[in-house]
Amino acid sequence: MRNKWTKLFFGLLGFELLGSELIKQLAKGLRGLKIDLRRLLVAWVIKAATLLLLLFIAQGALLFGLGALALYLNTLLSSSYQGFLIVSGGCTVLLLLSWLLSRLR
């Protein structure tokens, strides 16, 4: 009988409503966190895609620039291969120097 009175008393005081409202607010906060996390993830993906696009454009420009330099050196040296040899040797030297600098750090 005491259990019945206790349950009735807590029901009248609104503790049951307080608990259910607390759970509803917690669920609403988790949904909001999910939406915020999704927005943050979408913003990060857009930034990464933009960065990759710029990187690919820069790589293409570098490739065409080096090809043009090689062709210019070919005509300057009156040879069909020396310009490409000089450009590829220079790129190899720069690659080795950057590798050595990264190993020193």
Protein backbone atom coordinates (compact mmCIF):
# COMPACT_ATOMS: atom_id res chain seq x y z
CA MET A 1 0.00 0.00 0.00
CA ARG A 2 2.90 2.28 0.70
CA ASN A 3 4.11 1.75 -2.88
CA LYS A 4 0.76 2.88 -4.21
CA TRP A 5 0.80 6.08 -2.15
CA THR A 6 4.42 6.81 -3.08
CA LYS A 7 3.67 6.40 -6.76
CA LEU A 8 0.63 8.65 -6.49
CA PHE A 9 2.59 11.26 -4.53
CA PHE A 10 5.45 11.36 -7.05
CA GLY A 11 2.90 11.50 -9.87
CA LEU A 12 1.27 14.51 -8.30
CA LEU A 13 4.59 16.27 -7.85
CA GLY A 14 5.44 15.81 -11.53
CA PHE A 15 8.65 13.79 -11.15
CA GLU A 16 7.51 11.44 -13.88
CA LEU A 17 7.02 14.38 -16.25
CA LEU A 18 10.36 15.79 -15.23
CA GLY A 19 12.09 12.52 -16.14
CA SER A 20 10.31 12.19 -19.48
CA GLU A 21 11.02 15.85 -20.36
CA LEU A 22 14.67 15.37 -19.46
CA ILE A 23 14.89 12.37 -21.78
CA LYS A 24 13.14 14.32 -24.56
CA GLN A 25 15.56 17.22 -24.18
CA LEU A 26 18.53 14.84 -24.23
CA ALA A 27 17.26 13.21 -27.43
CA LYS A 28 16.67 16.62 -29.01
CA GLY A 29 20.22 17.67 -28.09
CA LEU A 30 21.67 14.51 -29.63
CA ARG A 31 19.72 15.15 -32.85
CA GLY A 32 21.05 18.70 -32.90
CA LEU A 33 24.57 17.39 -32.34
CA LYS A 34 24.12 14.99 -35.23
CA ILE A 35 22.99 17.80 -37.52
CA ASP A 36 25.90 20.02 -36.43
CA LEU A 37 28.34 17.17 -36.95
CA ARG A 38 26.90 16.50 -40.40
CA ARG A 39 27.22 20.19 -41.33
CA LEU A 40 30.80 20.22 -40.10
CA LEU A 41 31.59 17.08 -42.08
CA VAL A 42 30.03 18.49 -45.27
CA ALA A 43 32.01 21.73 -44.86
CA TRP A 44 35.23 19.73 -44.37
CA VAL A 45 34.54 17.59 -47.45
CA ILE A 46 33.88 20.69 -49.57
CA LYS A 47 37.16 22.26 -48.39
CA ALA A 48 39.08 19.04 -49.11
CA ALA A 49 37.52 18.71 -52.58
CA THR A 50 38.38 22.34 -53.37
CA LEU A 51 41.95 21.83 -52.21
CA LEU A 52 42.31 18.66 -54.31
CA LEU A 53 40.90 20.45 -57.35
CA LEU A 54 43.38 23.29 -56.95
CA LEU A 55 46.18 20.76 -56.47
CA PHE A 56 45.26 18.94 -59.70
CA ILE A 57 45.06 22.22 -61.61
CA ALA A 58 48.50 23.26 -60.30
CA GLN A 59 49.92 19.85 -61.20
CA GLY A 60 48.54 20.14 -64.74
CA ALA A 61 49.96 23.65 -65.11
CA LEU A 62 53.36 22.44 -63.90
CA LEU A 63 53.27 19.52 -66.32
CA PHE A 64 52.43 21.75 -69.29
CA GLY A 65 55.00 24.32 -68.20
CA LEU A 66 57.76 21.73 -67.97
CA GLY A 67 56.76 20.31 -71.36
CA ALA A 68 56.90 23.78 -72.89
CA LEU A 69 60.31 24.37 -71.29
CA ALA A 70 61.58 21.08 -72.68
CA LEU A 71 60.33 21.92 -76.17
CA TYR A 72 61.88 25.39 -75.95
CA LEU A 73 65.22 23.90 -74.90
CA ASN A 74 64.93 21.40 -77.78
CA THR A 75 64.66 24.20 -80.30
CA LEU A 76 67.31 26.29 -78.53
CA LEU A 77 69.81 23.41 -78.52
CA SER A 78 68.79 22.17 -82.01
CA SER A 79 68.19 18.69 -80.67
CA SER A 80 65.21 16.39 -80.41
CA TYR A 81 65.95 15.03 -76.94
CA GLN A 82 68.38 17.27 -75.01
CA GLY A 83 65.69 19.65 -73.76
CA PHE A 84 63.68 16.78 -72.30
CA LEU A 85 66.87 15.32 -70.81
CA ILE A 86 67.76 18.62 -69.10
CA VAL A 87 64.21 19.12 -67.74
CA SER A 88 63.92 15.56 -66.45
CA GLY A 89 67.41 15.78 -64.90
CA GLY A 90 66.49 19.06 -63.19
CA CYS A 91 63.25 17.55 -61.84
CA THR A 92 65.17 14.54 -60.56
CA VAL A 93 67.72 16.76 -58.81
CA LEU A 94 64.93 18.82 -57.21
CA LEU A 95 63.19 15.63 -56.08
CA LEU A 96 66.40 14.28 -54.52
CA LEU A 97 67.09 17.61 -52.79
CA SER A 98 63.59 17.78 -51.35
CA TRP A 99 63.89 14.15 -50.19
CA LEU A 100 67.22 14.93 -48.48
CA LEU A 101 65.75 18.03 -46.82
CA SER A 102 62.82 16.03 -45.51
CA ARG A 103 65.21 13.37 -44.12
CA LEU A 104 67.23 16.04 -42.27
CA ARG A 105 64.16 17.28 -40.39
